[in-house]
C-alpha atoms as a PDB file:
ATOM      1  CA  MET A   1     216.459  81.272 185.807  1.00  0.00           C
ATOM      2  CA  VAL A   2     218.705  83.551 186.745  1.00  0.00           C
ATOM      3  CA  VAL A   3     219.386  84.165 183.023  1.00  0.00           C
ATOM      4  CA  VAL A   4     216.584  84.266 182.062  1.00  0.00           C
ATOM      5  CA  VAL A   5     215.156  87.028 184.785  1.00  0.00           C
ATOM      6  CA  VAL A   6     217.806  89.399 183.276  1.00  0.00           C
ATOM      7  CA  VAL A   7     216.884  88.819 179.562  1.00  0.00           C
ATOM      8  CA  VAL A   8     213.271  90.335 181.235  1.00  0.00           C
ATOM      9  CA  VAL A   9     215.040  93.254 182.374  1.00  0.00           C
ATOM     10  CA  VAL A  10     217.127  94.113 179.797  1.00  0.00           C
ATOM     11  CA  VAL A  11     213.766  94.268 177.397  1.00  0.00           C
ATOM     12  CA  VAL A  12     211.784  96.302 180.422  1.00  0.00           C
ATOM     13  CA  ILE A  13     214.685  99.356 179.727  1.00  0.00           C
ATOM     14  CA  ARG A  14     215.129  99.198 176.412  1.00  0.00           C
ATOM     15  CA  ARG A  15     211.745  99.900 175.710  1.00  0.00           C
ATOM     16  CA  CYS A  16     211.451 102.806 178.561  1.00  0.00           C
ATOM     17  CA  CYS A  17     214.698 104.522 176.760  1.00  0.00           C
ATOM     18  CA  ARG A  18     212.606 104.341 173.401  1.00  0.00           C
ATOM     19  CA  GLY A  19     211.814 108.094 174.158  1.00  0.00           C
ATOM     20  CA  SER A  20     214.915 109.137 174.629  1.00  0.00           C
ATOM     21  CA  SER A  21     217.950 110.603 172.877  1.00  0.00           C
ATOM     22  CA  GLY A  22     219.345 106.558 171.821  1.00  0.00           C
ATOM     23  CA  PRO A  23     217.885 102.945 173.179  1.00  0.00           C
ATOM     24  CA  LEU A  24     220.220 101.841 176.014  1.00  0.00           C
ATOM     25  CA  ALA A  25     222.218  98.783 174.289  1.00  0.00           C
ATOM     26  CA  GLY A  26     224.286  95.976 176.248  1.00  0.00           C
ATOM     27  CA  GLN A  27     224.637  91.824 175.817  1.00  0.00           C
ATOM     28  CA  LEU A  28     223.978  89.021 178.463  1.00  0.00           C
ATOM     29  CA  LEU A  29     226.738  86.229 178.097  1.00  0.00           C
ATOM     30  CA  ALA A  30     226.511  82.636 179.939  1.00  0.00           C
ATOM     31  CA  SER A  31     228.988  80.269 179.692  1.00  0.00           C
ATOM     32  CA  PHE A  32     229.197  76.809 180.511  1.00  0.00           C
ATOM     33  CA  THR A  33     232.307  73.478 181.061  1.00  0.00           C
ATOM     34  CA  SER A  34     232.019  69.989 181.896  1.00  0.00           C
ATOM     35  CA  PRO A  35     234.862  67.733 181.339  1.00  0.00           C
ATOM     36  CA  SER A  36     235.113  64.559 180.158  1.00  0.00           C
ATOM     37  CA  ARG A  37     237.663  61.880 179.010  1.00  0.00           C
ATOM     38  CA  THR A  38     237.773  62.392 175.686  1.00  0.00           C
ATOM     39  CA  GLY A  39     238.068  65.999 176.481  1.00  0.00           C
ATOM     40  CA  PRO A  40     235.784  69.643 177.630  1.00  0.00           C
ATOM     41  CA  PHE A  41     232.386  70.195 176.624  1.00  0.00           C
ATOM     42  CA  MET A  42     231.897  74.255 176.300  1.00  0.00           C
ATOM     43  CA  ALA A  43     228.616  76.024 175.742  1.00  0.00           C
ATOM     44  CA  ASP A  44     227.887  79.637 175.522  1.00  0.00           C
ATOM     45  CA  LEU A  45     224.838  82.330 175.047  1.00  0.00           C
ATOM     46  CA  LEU A  46     224.976  85.783 173.899  1.00  0.00           C
ATOM     47  CA  VAL A  47     222.141  87.528 173.319  1.00  0.00           C
ATOM     48  CA  THR A  48     222.383  91.222 173.351  1.00  0.00           C
ATOM     49  CA  THR A  49     219.624  94.312 173.320  1.00  0.00           C
ATOM     50  CA  GLY A  50     220.227  94.770 169.466  1.00  0.00           C
ATOM     51  CA  GLY A  51     217.553  90.925 169.079  1.00  0.00           C
ATOM     52  CA  VAL A  52     220.785  88.872 168.450  1.00  0.00           C
ATOM     53  CA  ALA A  53     221.052  85.646 169.778  1.00  0.00           C
ATOM     54  CA  GLU A  54     223.687  82.768 169.682  1.00  0.00           C
ATOM     55  CA  ALA A  55     224.359  79.967 171.304  1.00  0.00           C
ATOM     56  CA  THR A  56     227.382  77.464 170.594  1.00  0.00           C
ATOM     57  CA  VAL A  57     228.603  74.087 171.663  1.00  0.00           C
ATOM     58  CA  SER A  58     232.726  73.326 171.371  1.00  0.00           C
ATOM     59  CA  HIS A  59     234.113  70.054 172.146  1.00  0.00           C
ATOM     60  CA  THR A  60     237.835  69.558 172.314  1.00  0.00           C
ATOM     61  CA  PHE A  61     239.356  65.576 171.743  1.00  0.00           C
ATOM     62  CA  THR A  62     242.107  64.747 170.966  1.00  0.00           C
ATOM     63  CA  VAL A  63     243.228  61.589 167.847  1.00  0.00           C
ATOM     64  CA  PRO A  64     245.897  59.096 169.493  1.00  0.00           C
ATOM     65  CA  VAL A  65     248.483  58.838 167.282  1.00  0.00           C
ATOM     66  CA  PRO A  66     249.480  55.183 166.927  1.00  0.00           C
ATOM     67  CA  ALA A  67     252.945  54.002 167.764  1.00  0.00           C
ATOM     68  CA  PRO A  68     255.693  53.638 164.869  1.00  0.00           C
ATOM     69  CA  ALA A  69     256.612  50.060 164.596  1.00  0.00           C
ATOM     70  CA  PRO A  70     260.438  49.352 166.728  1.00  0.00           C
ATOM     71  CA  ALA A  71     263.089  49.180 164.121  1.00  0.00           C
ATOM     72  CA  ALA A  72     264.862  45.863 163.946  1.00  0.00           C
ATOM     73  CA  ALA A  73     268.046  47.004 166.767  1.00  0.00           C
ATOM     74  CA  ASP A  74     264.671  48.084 168.578  1.00  0.00           C
ATOM     75  CA  ARG A  75     263.072  44.538 169.581  1.00  0.00           C
ATOM     76  CA  GLY A  76     263.567  42.231 172.302  1.00  0.00           C
ATOM     77  CA  SER A  77     264.035  45.724 173.822  1.00  0.00           C
ATOM     78  CA  GLU A  78     260.944  47.819 176.125  1.00  0.00           C
ATOM     79  CA  PRO A  79     258.742  49.273 174.099  1.00  0.00           C
ATOM     80  CA  THR A  80     258.601  53.221 173.573  1.00  0.00           C
ATOM     81  CA  ALA A  81     256.234  55.282 175.078  1.00  0.00           C
ATOM     82  CA  PRO A  82     253.921  56.576 172.442  1.00  0.00           C
ATOM     83  CA  PRO A  83     254.190  59.929 170.587  1.00  0.00           C
ATOM     84  CA  GLY A  84     252.090  62.701 171.778  1.00  0.00           C
ATOM     85  CA  SER A  85     248.270  63.220 170.653  1.00  0.00           C
ATOM     86  CA  GLN A  86     246.970  65.510 167.778  1.00  0.00           C
ATOM     87  CA  ALA A  87     244.261  67.840 169.422  1.00  0.00           C
ATOM     88  CA  GLY A  88     240.780  69.044 167.250  1.00  0.00           C
ATOM     89  CA  LYS A  89     237.682  70.880 168.197  1.00  0.00           C
ATOM     90  CA  LEU A  90     234.372  70.382 167.240  1.00  0.00           C
ATOM     91  CA  VAL A  91     231.851  73.528 166.880  1.00  0.00           C
ATOM     92  CA  LEU A  92     228.208  73.670 166.943  1.00  0.00           C
ATOM     93  CA  GLY A  93     226.627  76.946 167.020  1.00  0.00           C
ATOM     94  CA  GLY A  94     223.476  78.721 165.768  1.00  0.00           C
ATOM     95  CA  VAL A  95     222.430  82.457 165.167  1.00  0.00           C
ATOM     96  CA  ALA A  96     218.615  83.646 165.725  1.00  0.00           C
ATOM     97  CA  SER A  97     216.701  87.068 166.078  1.00  0.00           C
ATOM     98  CA  VAL A  98     214.757  87.492 169.038  1.00  0.00           C
ATOM     99  CA  PRO A  99     211.324  89.207 168.265  1.00  0.00           C
ATOM    100  CA  ALA A 100     210.772  90.508 171.804  1.00  0.00           C
ATOM    101  CA  LEU A 101     214.336  92.738 171.061  1.00  0.00           C
ATOM    102  CA  ALA A 102     214.695  92.982 167.367  1.00  0.00           C
ATOM    103  CA  GLU A 103     212.221  95.764 165.197  1.00  0.00           C
ATOM    104  CA  LYS A 104     210.842  94.249 162.720  1.00  0.00           C
ATOM    105  CA  SER A 105     213.039  95.574 159.675  1.00  0.00           C
ATOM    106  CA  LYS A 106     215.961  93.878 161.556  1.00  0.00           C
ATOM    107  CA  VAL A 107     214.705  89.776 161.878  1.00  0.00           C
ATOM    108  CA  TRP A 108     216.727  87.470 159.846  1.00  0.00           C
ATOM    109  CA  PRO A 109     216.578  84.081 159.966  1.00  0.00           C
ATOM    110  CA  PRO A 110     217.720  81.318 162.251  1.00  0.00           C
ATOM    111  CA  LYS A 111     221.269  80.146 160.634  1.00  0.00           C
ATOM    112  CA  VAL A 112     223.589  77.249 162.248  1.00  0.00           C
ATOM    113  CA  THR A 113     227.041  76.588 162.026  1.00  0.00           C
ATOM    114  CA  LEU A 114     229.692  73.446 162.542  1.00  0.00           C
ATOM    115  CA  ASP A 115     232.914  74.330 162.558  1.00  0.00           C
ATOM    116  CA  TYR A 116     236.334  71.848 162.791  1.00  0.00           C
ATOM    117  CA  VAL A 117     239.903  73.355 163.535  1.00  0.00           C
ATOM    118  CA  GLY A 118     242.671  70.662 163.287  1.00  0.00           C
ATOM    119  CA  ASN A 119     246.366  71.079 163.006  1.00  0.00           C
ATOM    120  CA  TYR A 120     245.949  70.537 159.528  1.00  0.00           C
ATOM    121  CA  LEU A 121     242.870  71.490 158.125  1.00  0.00           C
ATOM    122  CA  HIS A 122     240.312  73.950 158.978  1.00  0.00           C
ATOM    123  CA  ILE A 123     236.579  73.696 157.880  1.00  0.00           C
ATOM    124  CA  LYS A 124     234.044  76.579 158.460  1.00  0.00           C
ATOM    125  CA  THR A 125     230.358  75.343 157.548  1.00  0.00           C
ATOM    126  CA  SER A 126     226.829  77.208 158.083  1.00  0.00           C
ATOM    127  CA  SER A 127     223.371  77.756 156.252  1.00  0.00           C
ATOM    128  CA  SER A 128     220.085  79.244 156.869  1.00  0.00           C
ATOM    129  CA  LEU A 129     217.262  77.765 157.944  1.00  0.00           C
ATOM    130  CA  GLY A 130     214.258  77.991 155.762  1.00  0.00           C
ATOM    131  CA  PRO A 131     212.587  76.563 152.459  1.00  0.00           C
ATOM    132  CA  LYS A 132     215.680  78.059 150.230  1.00  0.00           C
ATOM    133  CA  PRO A 133     218.631  78.600 152.595  1.00  0.00           C
ATOM    134  CA  LEU A 134     221.876  80.058 151.396  1.00  0.00           C
ATOM    135  CA  ILE A 135     224.268  77.322 152.505  1.00  0.00           C
ATOM    136  CA  SER A 136     228.607  78.034 152.549  1.00  0.00           C
ATOM    137  CA  ALA A 137     231.313  76.333 153.436  1.00  0.00           C
ATOM    138  CA  ALA A 138     235.359  76.946 153.568  1.00  0.00           C
ATOM    139  CA  ALA A 139     237.680  75.074 153.961  1.00  0.00           C
ATOM    140  CA  VAL A 140     242.153  75.802 154.007  1.00  0.00           C
ATOM    141  CA  GLY A 141     244.902  72.963 155.054  1.00  0.00           C
ATOM    142  CA  GLY A 142     248.584  73.340 154.531  1.00  0.00           C
ATOM    143  CA  THR A 143     251.540  71.106 155.932  1.00  0.00           C
ATOM    144  CA  GLY A 144     255.376  72.622 155.865  1.00  0.00           C
ATOM    145  CA  ARG A 145     255.436  75.561 153.176  1.00  0.00           C
ATOM    146  CA  VAL A 146     252.177  75.143 150.886  1.00  0.00           C
ATOM    147  CA  ASP A 147     248.654  75.950 152.263  1.00  0.00           C
ATOM    148  CA  VAL A 148     245.468  75.403 149.945  1.00  0.00           C
ATOM    149  CA  GLY A 149     242.144  76.967 150.471  1.00  0.00           C
ATOM    150  CA  GLY A 150     238.866  77.745 149.380  1.00  0.00           C
ATOM    151  CA  GLU A 151     235.003  78.328 149.973  1.00  0.00           C
ATOM    152  CA  ALA A 152     231.862  78.589 148.065  1.00  0.00           C
ATOM    153  CA  ALA A 153     228.386  80.338 148.611  1.00  0.00           C
ATOM    154  CA  TYR A 154     225.600  78.246 147.267  1.00  0.00           C
ATOM    155  CA  SER A 155     221.905  79.854 147.107  1.00  0.00           C
ATOM    156  CA  SER A 156     219.598  77.259 146.901  1.00  0.00           C
ATOM    157  CA  SER A 157     216.564  79.919 145.581  1.00  0.00           C
ATOM    158  CA  ALA A 158     219.043  80.690 142.625  1.00  0.00           C
ATOM    159  CA  LEU A 159     220.188  77.107 142.038  1.00  0.00           C
ATOM    160  CA  ARG A 160     223.604  78.155 141.458  1.00  0.00           C
ATOM    161  CA  VAL A 161     227.217  79.475 143.387  1.00  0.00           C
ATOM    162  CA  THR A 162     227.061  82.742 144.203  1.00  0.00           C
ATOM    163  CA  SER A 163     230.975  83.623 145.235  1.00  0.00           C
ATOM    164  CA  TRP A 164     233.554  81.674 145.151  1.00  0.00           C
ATOM    165  CA  THR A 165     237.437  81.383 145.893  1.00  0.00           C
ATOM    166  CA  ALA A 166     240.414  79.669 145.648  1.00  0.00           C
ATOM    167  CA  ALA A 167     243.529  80.472 146.847  1.00  0.00           C
ATOM    168  CA  ALA A 168     247.411  78.350 146.936  1.00  0.00           C
ATOM    169  CA  ALA A 169     250.043  80.023 148.721  1.00  0.00           C
ATOM    170  CA  TRP A 170     254.549  78.809 149.442  1.00  0.00           C
ATOM    171  CA  HIS A 171     256.256  80.387 151.857  1.00  0.00           C
ATOM    172  CA  ASP A 172     259.941  80.108 153.247  1.00  0.00           C
ATOM    173  CA  GLU A 173     262.064  81.861 155.704  1.00  0.00           C
ATOM    174  CA  ARG A 174     261.677  84.923 153.309  1.00  0.00           C
ATOM    175  CA  GLN A 175     259.417  84.509 150.119  1.00  0.00           C
ATOM    176  CA  HIS A 176     255.665  84.597 150.327  1.00  0.00           C
ATOM    177  CA  VAL A 177     253.715  83.536 146.643  1.00  0.00           C
ATOM    178  CA  GLU A 178     250.287  83.589 146.681  1.00  0.00           C
ATOM    179  CA  LEU A 179     247.453  82.883 143.893  1.00  0.00           C
ATOM    180  CA  GLN A 180     244.048  84.107 144.677  1.00  0.00           C
ATOM    181  CA  LEU A 181     240.825  83.643 142.472  1.00  0.00           C
ATOM    182  CA  ARG A 182     237.598  84.847 143.353  1.00  0.00           C
ATOM    183  CA  GLY A 183     234.602  84.952 141.659  1.00  0.00           C
ATOM    184  CA  SER A 184     230.934  85.279 141.461  1.00  0.00           C
ATOM    185  CA  GLY A 185     228.590  82.978 139.849  1.00  0.00           C
ATOM    186  CA  VAL A 186     229.261  79.874 137.698  1.00  0.00           C
ATOM    187  CA  VAL A 187     229.883  79.660 133.841  1.00  0.00           C
ATOM    188  CA  GLY A 188     229.295  76.848 131.949  1.00  0.00           C
ATOM    189  CA  VAL A 189     229.149  75.476 128.445  1.00  0.00           C
ATOM    190  CA  GLY A 190     226.261  77.207 126.832  1.00  0.00           C
ATOM    191  CA  SER A 191     225.686  79.342 129.995  1.00  0.00           C
ATOM    192  CA  SER A 192     223.232  82.319 129.592  1.00  0.00           C
ATOM    193  CA  SER A 193     224.603  84.495 132.342  1.00  0.00           C
ATOM    194  CA  ASN A 194     228.140  84.169 132.575  1.00  0.00           C
ATOM    195  CA  GLY A 195     229.516  84.918 135.970  1.00  0.00           C
ATOM    196  CA  GLY A 196     232.828  86.904 136.663  1.00  0.00           C
ATOM    197  CA  GLY A 197     236.355  86.851 138.582  1.00  0.00           C
ATOM    198  CA  LYS A 198     239.651  88.271 139.447  1.00  0.00           C
ATOM    199  CA  ALA A 199     243.110  86.250 139.817  1.00  0.00           C
ATOM    200  CA  THR A 200     245.337  87.983 141.849  1.00  0.00           C
ATOM    201  CA  LEU A 201     249.200  87.222 141.876  1.00  0.00           C
ATOM    202  CA  LEU A 202     250.654  87.981 145.339  1.00  0.00           C
ATOM    203  CA  TYR A 203     254.771  88.148 146.177  1.00  0.00           C
ATOM    204  CA  GLY A 204     256.822  89.704 149.181  1.00  0.00           C
ATOM    205  CA  TYR A 205     260.102  89.027 149.877  1.00  0.00           C
ATOM    206  CA  SER A 206     261.969  90.196 153.125  1.00  0.00           C
ATOM    207  CA  LEU A 207     264.964  92.323 153.132  1.00  0.00           C
ATOM    208  CA  LYS A 208     265.298  92.318 157.441  1.00  0.00           C
ATOM    209  CA  PRO A 209     263.215  91.721 159.759  1.00  0.00           C
ATOM    210  CA  GLY A 210     260.728  94.768 159.308  1.00  0.00           C
ATOM    211  CA  VAL A 211     261.542  95.652 156.099  1.00  0.00           C
ATOM    212  CA  ALA A 212     259.878  93.809 152.826  1.00  0.00           C
ATOM    213  CA  LEU A 213     258.698  94.788 149.709  1.00  0.00           C
ATOM    214  CA  GLY A 214     255.989  93.121 147.744  1.00  0.00           C
ATOM    215  CA  LEU A 215     254.388  92.532 144.105  1.00  0.00           C
ATOM    216  CA  GLU A 216     251.054  92.376 143.076  1.00  0.00           C
ATOM    217  CA  ALA A 217     249.173  91.611 140.031  1.00  0.00           C
ATOM    218  CA  VAL A 218     245.246  91.504 139.416  1.00  0.00           C
ATOM    219  CA  ALA A 219     243.586  90.516 136.323  1.00  0.00           C
ATOM    220  CA  ASP A 220     239.705  90.321 135.317  1.00  0.00           C
ATOM    221  CA  LEU A 221     238.680  86.592 134.403  1.00  0.00           C
ATOM    222  CA  LYS A 222     235.580  87.302 133.139  1.00  0.00           C
ATOM    223  CA  PRO A 223     235.717  87.985 129.717  1.00  0.00           C
ATOM    224  CA  ALA A 224     238.671  84.785 129.340  1.00  0.00           C
ATOM    225  CA  MET A 225     236.007  82.517 130.946  1.00  0.00           C
ATOM    226  CA  GLU A 226     233.447  83.746 128.245  1.00  0.00           C
ATOM    227  CA  ALA A 227     235.877  83.311 125.713  1.00  0.00           C
ATOM    228  CA  PHE A 228     236.223  79.877 126.901  1.00  0.00           C
ATOM    229  CA  PHE A 229     233.045  78.507 127.543  1.00  0.00           C
ATOM    230  CA  ALA A 230     231.735  80.454 124.422  1.00  0.00           C
ATOM    231  CA  PRO A 231     228.982  77.850 122.975  1.00  0.00           C
ATOM    232  CA  PRO A 232     230.394  76.228 120.175  1.00  0.00           C
ATOM    233  CA  PRO A 233     228.729  76.768 116.714  1.00  0.00           C
ATOM    234  CA  PRO A 234     226.196  75.297 115.018  1.00  0.00           C
ATOM    235  CA  PRO A 235     227.315  72.809 112.280  1.00  0.00           C
ATOM    236  CA  ALA A 236     227.118  74.466 109.331  1.00  0.00           C
ATOM    237  CA  THR A 237     223.736  73.564 106.461  1.00  0.00           C
ATOM    238  CA  ALA A 238     224.311  72.595 103.411  1.00  0.00           C
ATOM    239  CA  GLY A 239     224.170  75.145 100.699  1.00  0.00           C
ATOM    240  CA  ASP A 240     222.236  75.733  97.586  1.00  0.00           C
ATOM    241  CA  GLY A 241     225.099  75.940  95.353  1.00  0.00           C
ATOM    242  CA  ASN A 242     226.095  79.800  95.862  1.00  0.00           C
ATOM    243  CA  GLY A 243     227.852  79.998  99.055  1.00  0.00           C
ATOM    244  CA  GLY A 244     224.165  79.736 101.026  1.00  0.00           C
ATOM    245  CA  GLY A 245     226.018  77.341 103.321  1.00  0.00           C
ATOM    246  CA  ALA A 246     229.225  79.039 104.160  1.00  0.00           C
ATOM    247  CA  SER A 247     227.401  82.083 104.817  1.00  0.00           C
ATOM    248  CA  GLY A 248     225.134  80.421 107.165  1.00  0.00           C
ATOM    249  CA  GLY A 249     228.145  78.588 109.391  1.00  0.00           C
ATOM    250  CA  GLY A 250     230.262  81.788 109.104  1.00  0.00           C
ATOM    251  CA  GLY A 251     226.999  83.545 111.050  1.00  0.00           C
ATOM    252  CA  GLY A 252     226.980  80.631 113.374  1.00  0.00           C
ATOM    253  CA  LYS A 253     231.361  80.688 114.341  1.00  0.00           C
ATOM    254  CA  SER A 254     230.577  84.493 115.090  1.00  0.00           C
ATOM    255  CA  GLY A 255     229.054  84.341 118.844  1.00  0.00           C
ATOM    256  CA  ALA A 256     232.442  82.543 119.061  1.00  0.00           C
ATOM    257  CA  GLY A 257     234.658  84.494 117.406  1.00  0.00           C
ATOM    258  CA  THR A 258     233.450  87.755 119.204  1.00  0.00           C
ATOM    259  CA  ALA A 259     233.822  86.189 122.888  1.00  0.00           C
ATOM    260  CA  ARG A 260     237.324  85.013 122.224  1.00  0.00           C
ATOM    261  CA  ALA A 261     237.920  89.112 120.190  1.00  0.00           C
ATOM    262  CA  ALA A 262     237.060  90.368 123.614  1.00  0.00           C
ATOM    263  CA  ALA A 263     238.917  88.544 125.889  1.00  0.00           C
ATOM    264  CA  ALA A 264     242.131  89.682 123.397  1.00  0.00           C
ATOM    265  CA  ALA A 265     240.997  93.023 123.815  1.00  0.00           C
ATOM    266  CA  ALA A 266     240.270  93.471 127.293  1.00  0.00           C
ATOM    267  CA  ALA A 267     241.692  95.193 129.464  1.00  0.00           C
ATOM    268  CA  PRO A 268     245.216  94.321 130.765  1.00  0.00           C
ATOM    269  CA  PRO A 269     246.046  93.513 134.323  1.00  0.00           C
ATOM    270  CA  ALA A 270     246.708  96.190 136.774  1.00  0.00           C
ATOM    271  CA  PHE A 271     250.165  96.003 138.862  1.00  0.00           C
ATOM    272  CA  ALA A 272     250.726  97.134 142.101  1.00  0.00           C
ATOM    273  CA  ILE A 273     254.423  97.536 143.995  1.00  0.00           C
ATOM    274  CA  GLY A 274     254.794  97.793 147.978  1.00  0.00           C
ATOM    275  CA  ALA A 275     256.631  98.483 150.855  1.00  0.00           C
ATOM    276  CA  SER A 276     256.211  97.487 154.478  1.00  0.00           C
ATOM    277  CA  PHE A 277     258.800  98.534 157.686  1.00  0.00           C
ATOM    278  CA  LYS A 278     258.239  98.333 161.037  1.00  0.00           C
ATOM    279  CA  VAL A 279     258.617 100.563 163.085  1.00  0.00           C
ATOM    280  CA  PRO A 280     260.975 100.249 165.760  1.00  0.00           C
ATOM    281  CA  LYS A 281     259.410 100.648 169.687  1.00  0.00           C
ATOM    282  CA  LYS A 282     261.855 103.216 171.282  1.00  0.00           C
ATOM    283  CA  ALA A 283     261.102 105.280 167.700  1.00  0.00           C
ATOM    284  CA  ALA A 284     257.351 105.303 168.036  1.00  0.00           C
ATOM    285  CA  ALA A 285     257.476 106.554 171.610  1.00  0.00           C
ATOM    286  CA  GLY A 286     257.399 109.615 170.193  1.00  0.00           C
ATOM    287  CA  THR A 287     259.922 112.444 170.939  1.00  0.00           C
ATOM    288  CA  GLY A 288     257.496 114.771 173.106  1.00  0.00           C
ATOM    289  CA  THR A 289     257.164 114.601 176.861  1.00  0.00           C
ATOM    290  CA  GLY A 290     253.959 114.294 178.751  1.00  0.00           C
ATOM    291  CA  ARG A 291     251.273 111.422 178.889  1.00  0.00           C
ATOM    292  CA  GLY A 292     249.533 112.600 175.807  1.00  0.00           C
ATOM    293  CA  SER A 293     252.676 111.833 173.634  1.00  0.00           C
ATOM    294  CA  GLY A 294     253.900 109.236 171.677  1.00  0.00           C
ATOM    295  CA  GLY A 295     251.799 106.117 172.330  1.00  0.00           C
ATOM    296  CA  GLY A 296     253.470 103.701 170.567  1.00  0.00           C
ATOM    297  CA  GLY A 297     253.627 100.554 172.827  1.00  0.00           C
ATOM    298  CA  GLY A 298     253.883  97.547 170.566  1.00  0.00           C
ATOM    299  CA  GLY A 299     255.619  99.338 168.062  1.00  0.00           C
ATOM    300  CA  GLY A 300     254.243 100.386 164.160  1.00  0.00           C
ATOM    301  CA  VAL A 301     254.695  99.721 160.864  1.00  0.00           C
ATOM    302  CA  VAL A 302     254.051 101.172 157.663  1.00  0.00           C
ATOM    303  CA  LYS A 303     252.822 100.905 154.376  1.00  0.00           C
ATOM    304  CA  VAL A 304     252.872 102.054 151.177  1.00  0.00           C
ATOM    305  CA  LYS A 305     251.085 100.707 147.881  1.00  0.00           C
ATOM    306  CA  ILE A 306     251.768 102.179 144.546  1.00  0.00           C
ATOM    307  CA  SER A 307     249.206 100.920 141.842  1.00  0.00           C
ATOM    308  CA  SER A 308     249.769 100.836 137.364  1.00  0.00           C
ATOM    309  CA  ARG A 309     246.715 103.363 137.637  1.00  0.00           C
ATOM    310  CA  GLY A 310     248.570 106.055 139.719  1.00  0.00           C
ATOM    311  CA  VAL A 311     246.744 105.573 143.007  1.00  0.00           C
ATOM    312  CA  VAL A 312     249.064 105.996 145.696  1.00  0.00           C
ATOM    313  CA  SER A 313     248.170 104.262 149.111  1.00  0.00           C
ATOM    314  CA  LEU A 314     249.165 104.691 152.696  1.00  0.00           C
ATOM    315  CA  LEU A 315     248.561 103.406 155.717  1.00  0.00           C
ATOM    316  CA  TYR A 316     250.089 103.293 159.559  1.00  0.00           C
ATOM    317  CA  ARG A 317     248.991 101.501 162.361  1.00  0.00           C
ATOM    318  CA  ASP A 318     250.393 101.401 165.903  1.00  0.00           C
ATOM    319  CA  THR A 319     249.415 100.130 169.319  1.00  0.00           C
ATOM    320  CA  LEU A 320     248.999 102.338 171.566  1.00  0.00           C
ATOM    321  CA  ALA A 321     250.615 102.483 175.156  1.00  0.00           C
ATOM    322  CA  ALA A 322     246.898 102.270 177.104  1.00  0.00           C
ATOM    323  CA  GLY A 323     245.899  98.949 174.718  1.00  0.00           C
ATOM    324  CA  PRO A 324     244.028 100.896 171.902  1.00  0.00           C
ATOM    325  CA  ARG A 325     245.086 100.025 168.457  1.00  0.00           C
ATOM    326  CA  VAL A 326     244.941 103.070 165.899  1.00  0.00           C
ATOM    327  CA  THR A 327     245.596 103.077 161.804  1.00  0.00           C
ATOM    328  CA  PHE A 328     245.916 105.805 160.140  1.00  0.00           C
ATOM    329  CA  THR A 329     244.505 105.155 156.021  1.00  0.00           C
ATOM    330  CA  ALA A 330     245.417 107.852 153.063  1.00  0.00           C
ATOM    331  CA  GLU A 331     244.243 107.302 149.545  1.00  0.00           C
ATOM    332  CA  VAL A 332     245.795 109.719 146.072  1.00  0.00           C
ATOM    333  CA  ASP A 333     244.860 109.875 142.512  1.00  0.00           C
ATOM    334  CA  GLY A 334     248.158 110.854 141.195  1.00  0.00           C
ATOM    335  CA  LEU A 335     246.847 110.775 137.439  1.00  0.00           C
ATOM    336  CA  ASN A 336     243.658 113.268 138.273  1.00  0.00           C
ATOM    337  CA  PRO A 337     245.083 115.970 141.212  1.00  0.00           C
ATOM    338  CA  GLY A 338     242.191 117.067 140.899  1.00  0.00           C
ATOM    339  CA  THR A 339     240.680 114.183 142.950  1.00  0.00           C
ATOM    340  CA  ARG A 340     240.164 114.833 146.522  1.00  0.00           C
ATOM    341  CA  PRO A 341     242.199 112.247 148.418  1.00  0.00           C
ATOM    342  CA  ARG A 342     240.751 109.807 151.037  1.00  0.00           C
ATOM    343  CA  LEU A 343     241.587 109.478 154.618  1.00  0.00           C
ATOM    344  CA  GLY A 344     240.590 107.363 157.032  1.00  0.00           C
ATOM    345  CA  LEU A 345     240.778 106.552 161.031  1.00  0.00           C
ATOM    346  CA  GLN A 346     240.135 103.431 163.041  1.00  0.00           C
ATOM    347  CA  LEU A 347     240.563 102.584 166.627  1.00  0.00           C
ATOM    348  CA  GLU A 348     240.496  99.311 168.409  1.00  0.00           C
ATOM    349  CA  VAL A 349     239.728  99.456 172.237  1.00  0.00           C
END
């Protein structure tokens, strides 16, 4: 009952402040925890003055691992204690707009989510509630040095997959190799609306702690996918004796031939090389004196990237002594000197 009273007070404050320079923003959070034999239950409720209400219910449970069979030499001795359990977590959530708080143009259909978090597998799903929901799902699994994952979004109104991603990675103490495939839409044999996508290959190598080099290659998948899924040519018809049938068959093959020719003439992959350097804490603390100087509380990171298209990117990220993290970015087009550089600044409190 106390939560309901507080929500009503927030609504009144927001409506009274509409005539001022800006509405008063805020949020309300309530949480509940209940222990059980299989694991604790937790419930959270978040309501913002922007008209968004989010509720989640999570349950952390343990899955007993069966004890291994005793060896022949250990038979007859006292049984050993079973190994530790593997913990997992299920999270059921929902997001909805509150009509009393949200503006009419910002009222979205409700959405439900279901997540699973385990030691070797993470699954995340969501779906909007309505006559034609939008469904998305993502999964990431791995063990040892290999990780694989993927995600996809399906639109029931368009009856097709609107976006998809697949990735696989291998890593050891000094190297990291990753392949990413991203696309929009679904390509099928004879499809009139072929989707597009990109393939990205990443390789990173650690020279020493804090210093790493990386290579990146990005290729456009749409021409190759259109050529691969090009509809087969129609069967050749019998000619009239003067080569008419052969010409008709040749015309039927022109569709697939044009698609394959376009794939062969597609733009070459784009390449990039980069380096990352972690600034030691002493060097990041600054050389000046006074309270406002320096501020590398956690040690900064410098990243430089040069692409085959002449674009040079620079990033510097550091955590200040007071706690917030600041990020500076700069991008320059080396092939077009007249283009203005792009600068960015982000502060995370």
